[in-house]
């Protein structure tokens, strides 16, 4: 598989990369949290396009840690964006499993191997690196992941391998999402031409 796919949106959002000076990952999250230590549900809705009832459902199921004083912190927003970027192509229970595989109980930070905001940053940096090298193959995905996580310090033995395995599944699923979106556009254009 050799693909040259570049998403015009910031992963997990409805915001165009060009409107945000092409920043993604931690740079994007830092812009959101520049003035405040938390964002409200309406801001998350504006960023991601997720409605309030969906977010409440994710929270109730334990896929997103509970908000504090109706504000979401940087790691909660990162979890939301990761779920949102994967849900068109991965079942929600499998996304939840991936997040638990990486960080265990999302309400308990003591078992985390990586902060959610850092995980989101890794995902975005990997996607950007794949675009920069102008090709995407299964072997190049793993190679880029290993380069991006080279500086990661394990908190428990085997954490880096676990992180890399999860990142590979996430990146491949994200590319599947982009391909599905493109396929939907093409089919909709054909259907629109029949009318």
C-alpha atoms as a PDB file:
ATOM      1  CA  UNK A   1       0.000   0.000   0.000  1.00  0.00           C
ATOM      2  CA  UNK A   2       1.450   3.335  -1.038  1.00  0.00           C
ATOM      3  CA  UNK A   3      -0.800   6.277  -0.347  1.00  0.00           C
ATOM      4  CA  UNK A   4      -0.375   9.997  -0.603  1.00  0.00           C
ATOM      5  CA  UNK A   5      -3.214  11.162   1.587  1.00  0.00           C
ATOM      6  CA  UNK A   6      -3.226  14.476   3.384  1.00  0.00           C
ATOM      7  CA  UNK A   7      -6.106  15.567   5.568  1.00  0.00           C
ATOM      8  CA  UNK A   8      -7.029  19.228   5.252  1.00  0.00           C
ATOM      9  CA  UNK A   9      -8.551  19.152   8.744  1.00  0.00           C
ATOM     10  CA  UNK A  10      -6.814  19.016  12.089  1.00  0.00           C
ATOM     11  CA  UNK A  11      -7.274  15.388  13.237  1.00  0.00           C
ATOM     12  CA  UNK A  12     -10.454  14.934  15.269  1.00  0.00           C
ATOM     13  CA  UNK A  13     -11.752  18.426  14.510  1.00  0.00           C
ATOM     14  CA  UNK A  14     -13.801  20.207  11.894  1.00  0.00           C
ATOM     15  CA  UNK A  15     -11.174  22.957  11.679  1.00  0.00           C
ATOM     16  CA  UNK A  16      -9.106  23.419   8.545  1.00  0.00           C
ATOM     17  CA  UNK A  17      -5.376  23.166   9.128  1.00  0.00           C
ATOM     18  CA  UNK A  18      -4.803  26.263   6.988  1.00  0.00           C
ATOM     19  CA  UNK A  19      -7.088  28.334   9.249  1.00  0.00           C
ATOM     20  CA  UNK A  20      -4.901  27.434  12.224  1.00  0.00           C
ATOM     21  CA  UNK A  21      -1.543  28.153  10.521  1.00  0.00           C
ATOM     22  CA  UNK A  22      -1.094  24.415   9.832  1.00  0.00           C
ATOM     23  CA  UNK A  23      -0.550  23.532  13.482  1.00  0.00           C
ATOM     24  CA  UNK A  24      -1.695  20.202  14.865  1.00  0.00           C
ATOM     25  CA  UNK A  25      -0.956  18.100  17.924  1.00  0.00           C
ATOM     26  CA  UNK A  26       0.359  19.838  21.010  1.00  0.00           C
ATOM     27  CA  UNK A  27       0.718  23.177  19.209  1.00  0.00           C
ATOM     28  CA  UNK A  28      -2.984  23.106  18.383  1.00  0.00           C
ATOM     29  CA  UNK A  29      -3.956  22.061  21.925  1.00  0.00           C
ATOM     30  CA  UNK A  30      -1.734  24.816  23.343  1.00  0.00           C
ATOM     31  CA  UNK A  31      -3.580  27.394  21.232  1.00  0.00           C
ATOM     32  CA  UNK A  32      -6.900  26.204  22.626  1.00  0.00           C
ATOM     33  CA  UNK A  33      -5.631  26.383  26.209  1.00  0.00           C
ATOM     34  CA  UNK A  34      -3.521  29.534  25.830  1.00  0.00           C
ATOM     35  CA  UNK A  35      -5.813  31.728  27.924  1.00  0.00           C
ATOM     36  CA  UNK A  36      -7.631  29.163  30.056  1.00  0.00           C
ATOM     37  CA  UNK A  37      -6.928  25.911  31.851  1.00  0.00           C
ATOM     38  CA  UNK A  38     -10.234  24.454  30.656  1.00  0.00           C
ATOM     39  CA  UNK A  39     -12.746  24.665  27.840  1.00  0.00           C
ATOM     40  CA  UNK A  40     -16.512  24.448  27.981  1.00  0.00           C
ATOM     41  CA  UNK A  41     -18.722  21.979  26.138  1.00  0.00           C
ATOM     42  CA  UNK A  42     -19.773  24.645  23.613  1.00  0.00           C
ATOM     43  CA  UNK A  43     -16.124  25.231  22.679  1.00  0.00           C
ATOM     44  CA  UNK A  44     -15.557  21.501  22.216  1.00  0.00           C
ATOM     45  CA  UNK A  45     -18.644  21.396  20.008  1.00  0.00           C
ATOM     46  CA  UNK A  46     -17.237  24.289  17.926  1.00  0.00           C
ATOM     47  CA  UNK A  47     -13.874  22.558  17.577  1.00  0.00           C
ATOM     48  CA  UNK A  48     -14.991  18.994  16.952  1.00  0.00           C
ATOM     49  CA  UNK A  49     -18.584  19.112  15.763  1.00  0.00           C
ATOM     50  CA  UNK A  50     -19.572  16.658  18.510  1.00  0.00           C
ATOM     51  CA  UNK A  51     -22.969  17.333  20.051  1.00  0.00           C
ATOM     52  CA  UNK A  52     -23.437  17.510  23.817  1.00  0.00           C
ATOM     53  CA  UNK A  53     -25.415  14.279  24.134  1.00  0.00           C
ATOM     54  CA  UNK A  54     -22.684  12.303  22.330  1.00  0.00           C
ATOM     55  CA  UNK A  55     -20.017  13.711  24.615  1.00  0.00           C
ATOM     56  CA  UNK A  56     -22.138  13.001  27.694  1.00  0.00           C
ATOM     57  CA  UNK A  57     -22.587   9.423  26.463  1.00  0.00           C
ATOM     58  CA  UNK A  58     -18.816   9.004  26.033  1.00  0.00           C
ATOM     59  CA  UNK A  59     -18.279  10.368  29.542  1.00  0.00           C
ATOM     60  CA  UNK A  60     -20.984   8.135  31.033  1.00  0.00           C
ATOM     61  CA  UNK A  61     -19.350   5.079  29.429  1.00  0.00           C
ATOM     62  CA  UNK A  62     -15.957   6.073  30.864  1.00  0.00           C
ATOM     63  CA  UNK A  63     -14.339   6.828  27.510  1.00  0.00           C
ATOM     64  CA  UNK A  64     -13.652  10.440  28.497  1.00  0.00           C
ATOM     65  CA  UNK A  65     -12.749  11.405  32.080  1.00  0.00           C
ATOM     66  CA  UNK A  66     -15.363  13.514  33.875  1.00  0.00           C
ATOM     67  CA  UNK A  67     -15.125  17.279  33.439  1.00  0.00           C
ATOM     68  CA  UNK A  68     -14.236  19.442  36.419  1.00  0.00           C
ATOM     69  CA  UNK A  69     -16.610  22.354  37.056  1.00  0.00           C
ATOM     70  CA  UNK A  70     -18.048  21.845  33.549  1.00  0.00           C
ATOM     71  CA  UNK A  71     -14.616  22.497  32.031  1.00  0.00           C
ATOM     72  CA  UNK A  72     -12.515  20.015  30.094  1.00  0.00           C
ATOM     73  CA  UNK A  73      -8.733  20.027  30.487  1.00  0.00           C
ATOM     74  CA  UNK A  74      -6.140  19.455  27.785  1.00  0.00           C
ATOM     75  CA  UNK A  75      -6.031  15.676  28.249  1.00  0.00           C
ATOM     76  CA  UNK A  76      -9.806  15.315  28.216  1.00  0.00           C
ATOM     77  CA  UNK A  77      -9.979  17.306  24.977  1.00  0.00           C
ATOM     78  CA  UNK A  78      -7.216  15.105  23.528  1.00  0.00           C
ATOM     79  CA  UNK A  79      -9.227  11.965  24.339  1.00  0.00           C
ATOM     80  CA  UNK A  80     -12.291  13.531  22.708  1.00  0.00           C
ATOM     81  CA  UNK A  81     -10.358  14.401  19.532  1.00  0.00           C
ATOM     82  CA  UNK A  82      -8.806  10.929  19.325  1.00  0.00           C
ATOM     83  CA  UNK A  83     -12.201   9.240  19.655  1.00  0.00           C
ATOM     84  CA  UNK A  84     -13.726  11.642  17.151  1.00  0.00           C
ATOM     85  CA  UNK A  85     -10.993  11.078  14.573  1.00  0.00           C
ATOM     86  CA  UNK A  86     -11.376   7.293  14.736  1.00  0.00           C
ATOM     87  CA  UNK A  87     -15.125   6.801  15.076  1.00  0.00           C
ATOM     88  CA  UNK A  88     -16.019   6.933  11.355  1.00  0.00           C
ATOM     89  CA  UNK A  89     -13.971   3.773  10.765  1.00  0.00           C
ATOM     90  CA  UNK A  90     -13.618   2.019  14.128  1.00  0.00           C
ATOM     91  CA  UNK A  91     -16.329   0.810  16.478  1.00  0.00           C
ATOM     92  CA  UNK A  92     -16.561   2.888  19.648  1.00  0.00           C
ATOM     93  CA  UNK A  93     -15.951  -0.107  21.916  1.00  0.00           C
ATOM     94  CA  UNK A  94     -12.726  -0.828  20.011  1.00  0.00           C
ATOM     95  CA  UNK A  95     -11.630   2.796  20.342  1.00  0.00           C
ATOM     96  CA  UNK A  96     -12.340   2.547  24.071  1.00  0.00           C
ATOM     97  CA  UNK A  97     -10.277  -0.648  24.196  1.00  0.00           C
ATOM     98  CA  UNK A  98      -7.372   1.108  22.435  1.00  0.00           C
ATOM     99  CA  UNK A  99      -7.421   3.934  24.968  1.00  0.00           C
ATOM    100  CA  UNK A 100      -7.593   1.450  27.865  1.00  0.00           C
ATOM    101  CA  UNK A 101      -4.804  -0.594  26.285  1.00  0.00           C
ATOM    102  CA  UNK A 102      -2.627   2.507  26.390  1.00  0.00           C
ATOM    103  CA  UNK A 103      -3.704   4.099  29.669  1.00  0.00           C
ATOM    104  CA  UNK A 104      -5.827   1.650  31.635  1.00  0.00           C
ATOM    105  CA  UNK A 105      -8.608   3.285  33.636  1.00  0.00           C
ATOM    106  CA  UNK A 106      -9.062   6.749  32.126  1.00  0.00           C
ATOM    107  CA  UNK A 107     -10.195   8.173  35.482  1.00  0.00           C
ATOM    108  CA  UNK A 108      -6.962   6.969  37.137  1.00  0.00           C
ATOM    109  CA  UNK A 109      -3.877   8.789  35.832  1.00  0.00           C
ATOM    110  CA  UNK A 110      -1.523   6.643  37.942  1.00  0.00           C
ATOM    111  CA  UNK A 111      -1.729   3.770  35.419  1.00  0.00           C
ATOM    112  CA  UNK A 112      -1.150   5.962  32.340  1.00  0.00           C
ATOM    113  CA  UNK A 113       1.871   5.252  30.174  1.00  0.00           C
ATOM    114  CA  UNK A 114       1.433   8.557  28.315  1.00  0.00           C
ATOM    115  CA  UNK A 115      -0.702  11.656  28.814  1.00  0.00           C
ATOM    116  CA  UNK A 116      -3.593  11.867  26.377  1.00  0.00           C
ATOM    117  CA  UNK A 117      -2.356  15.221  25.070  1.00  0.00           C
ATOM    118  CA  UNK A 118       1.060  13.685  24.343  1.00  0.00           C
ATOM    119  CA  UNK A 119      -0.643  10.711  22.661  1.00  0.00           C
ATOM    120  CA  UNK A 120      -2.614  13.104  20.434  1.00  0.00           C
ATOM    121  CA  UNK A 121       0.630  14.953  19.674  1.00  0.00           C
ATOM    122  CA  UNK A 122       2.348  11.689  18.698  1.00  0.00           C
ATOM    123  CA  UNK A 123      -0.559  10.849  16.372  1.00  0.00           C
ATOM    124  CA  UNK A 124      -0.425  14.250  14.673  1.00  0.00           C
ATOM    125  CA  UNK A 125       3.373  14.245  14.362  1.00  0.00           C
ATOM    126  CA  UNK A 126       3.283  10.758  12.847  1.00  0.00           C
ATOM    127  CA  UNK A 127       0.631  11.787  10.321  1.00  0.00           C
ATOM    128  CA  UNK A 128       2.591  14.934   9.416  1.00  0.00           C
ATOM    129  CA  UNK A 129       5.832  12.950   9.027  1.00  0.00           C
ATOM    130  CA  UNK A 130       4.112  10.478   6.701  1.00  0.00           C
ATOM    131  CA  UNK A 131       2.873  13.363   4.548  1.00  0.00           C
ATOM    132  CA  UNK A 132       6.364  14.903   4.491  1.00  0.00           C
ATOM    133  CA  UNK A 133       7.950  11.696   3.221  1.00  0.00           C
ATOM    134  CA  UNK A 134       5.294  11.724   0.470  1.00  0.00           C
ATOM    135  CA  UNK A 135       4.342   8.078   0.755  1.00  0.00           C
ATOM    136  CA  UNK A 136       2.607   5.817   3.169  1.00  0.00           C
ATOM    137  CA  UNK A 137       3.140   2.078   3.430  1.00  0.00           C
ATOM    138  CA  UNK A 138       2.603  -0.259   6.340  1.00  0.00           C
ATOM    139  CA  UNK A 139       6.349  -0.528   6.889  1.00  0.00           C
ATOM    140  CA  UNK A 140       6.856   3.237   6.681  1.00  0.00           C
ATOM    141  CA  UNK A 141       4.086   3.787   9.249  1.00  0.00           C
ATOM    142  CA  UNK A 142       5.892   1.616  11.798  1.00  0.00           C
ATOM    143  CA  UNK A 143       9.233   3.217  10.992  1.00  0.00           C
ATOM    144  CA  UNK A 144       7.853   6.746  11.454  1.00  0.00           C
ATOM    145  CA  UNK A 145       6.163   5.720  14.717  1.00  0.00           C
ATOM    146  CA  UNK A 146       9.414   4.359  16.093  1.00  0.00           C
ATOM    147  CA  UNK A 147      11.242   7.565  15.133  1.00  0.00           C
ATOM    148  CA  UNK A 148       8.594   9.790  16.723  1.00  0.00           C
ATOM    149  CA  UNK A 149       8.551   7.819  19.976  1.00  0.00           C
ATOM    150  CA  UNK A 150      12.336   7.392  20.192  1.00  0.00           C
ATOM    151  CA  UNK A 151      12.522   9.890  23.063  1.00  0.00           C
ATOM    152  CA  UNK A 152       9.677   8.285  25.015  1.00  0.00           C
ATOM    153  CA  UNK A 153      10.699   7.199  28.540  1.00  0.00           C
ATOM    154  CA  UNK A 154       8.995   4.019  29.672  1.00  0.00           C
ATOM    155  CA  UNK A 155       7.104   4.259  32.939  1.00  0.00           C
ATOM    156  CA  UNK A 156       6.809   0.463  33.054  1.00  0.00           C
ATOM    157  CA  UNK A 157       8.675  -2.205  31.156  1.00  0.00           C
ATOM    158  CA  UNK A 158       7.182  -2.782  27.703  1.00  0.00           C
ATOM    159  CA  UNK A 159       5.300   0.528  27.652  1.00  0.00           C
ATOM    160  CA  UNK A 160       7.070   1.819  24.521  1.00  0.00           C
ATOM    161  CA  UNK A 161       6.188  -1.298  22.524  1.00  0.00           C
ATOM    162  CA  UNK A 162       2.590  -1.113  23.758  1.00  0.00           C
ATOM    163  CA  UNK A 163       2.432   2.577  22.790  1.00  0.00           C
ATOM    164  CA  UNK A 164       3.919   1.895  19.345  1.00  0.00           C
ATOM    165  CA  UNK A 165       1.509  -0.988  18.687  1.00  0.00           C
ATOM    166  CA  UNK A 166      -1.480   1.182  19.630  1.00  0.00           C
ATOM    167  CA  UNK A 167      -0.197   4.110  17.551  1.00  0.00           C
ATOM    168  CA  UNK A 168       0.137   1.838  14.528  1.00  0.00           C
ATOM    169  CA  UNK A 169      -3.486   0.684  14.884  1.00  0.00           C
ATOM    170  CA  UNK A 170      -4.660   4.291  15.373  1.00  0.00           C
ATOM    171  CA  UNK A 171      -2.760   5.656  12.357  1.00  0.00           C
ATOM    172  CA  UNK A 172      -3.928   2.852  10.053  1.00  0.00           C
ATOM    173  CA  UNK A 173      -7.536   3.355  11.245  1.00  0.00           C
ATOM    174  CA  UNK A 174      -7.221   7.095  10.644  1.00  0.00           C
ATOM    175  CA  UNK A 175      -6.040   6.502   7.077  1.00  0.00           C
ATOM    176  CA  UNK A 176      -8.982   4.136   6.613  1.00  0.00           C
ATOM    177  CA  UNK A 177     -11.226   6.972   7.802  1.00  0.00           C
ATOM    178  CA  UNK A 178      -9.727   9.360   5.239  1.00  0.00           C
ATOM    179  CA  UNK A 179     -10.166   6.786   2.474  1.00  0.00           C
ATOM    180  CA  UNK A 180     -13.786   6.189   3.540  1.00  0.00           C
ATOM    181  CA  UNK A 181     -14.490   9.939   3.460  1.00  0.00           C
ATOM    182  CA  UNK A 182     -13.036  10.167  -0.053  1.00  0.00           C
ATOM    183  CA  UNK A 183     -15.027   7.148  -1.210  1.00  0.00           C
ATOM    184  CA  UNK A 184     -18.225   8.685   0.229  1.00  0.00           C
ATOM    185  CA  UNK A 185     -17.516  11.934  -1.647  1.00  0.00           C
ATOM    186  CA  UNK A 186     -17.038  10.069  -4.928  1.00  0.00           C
ATOM    187  CA  UNK A 187     -20.205   7.995  -4.482  1.00  0.00           C
ATOM    188  CA  UNK A 188     -22.216  11.089  -3.498  1.00  0.00           C
ATOM    189  CA  UNK A 189     -20.975  12.845  -6.629  1.00  0.00           C
ATOM    190  CA  UNK A 190     -22.107   9.885  -8.757  1.00  0.00           C
ATOM    191  CA  UNK A 191     -25.481   9.732  -7.007  1.00  0.00           C
ATOM    192  CA  UNK A 192     -25.873  13.491  -7.416  1.00  0.00           C
ATOM    193  CA  UNK A 193     -25.169  13.163 -11.140  1.00  0.00           C
ATOM    194  CA  UNK A 194     -28.095  10.745 -11.596  1.00  0.00           C
ATOM    195  CA  UNK A 195     -30.684  13.187 -10.336  1.00  0.00           C
END
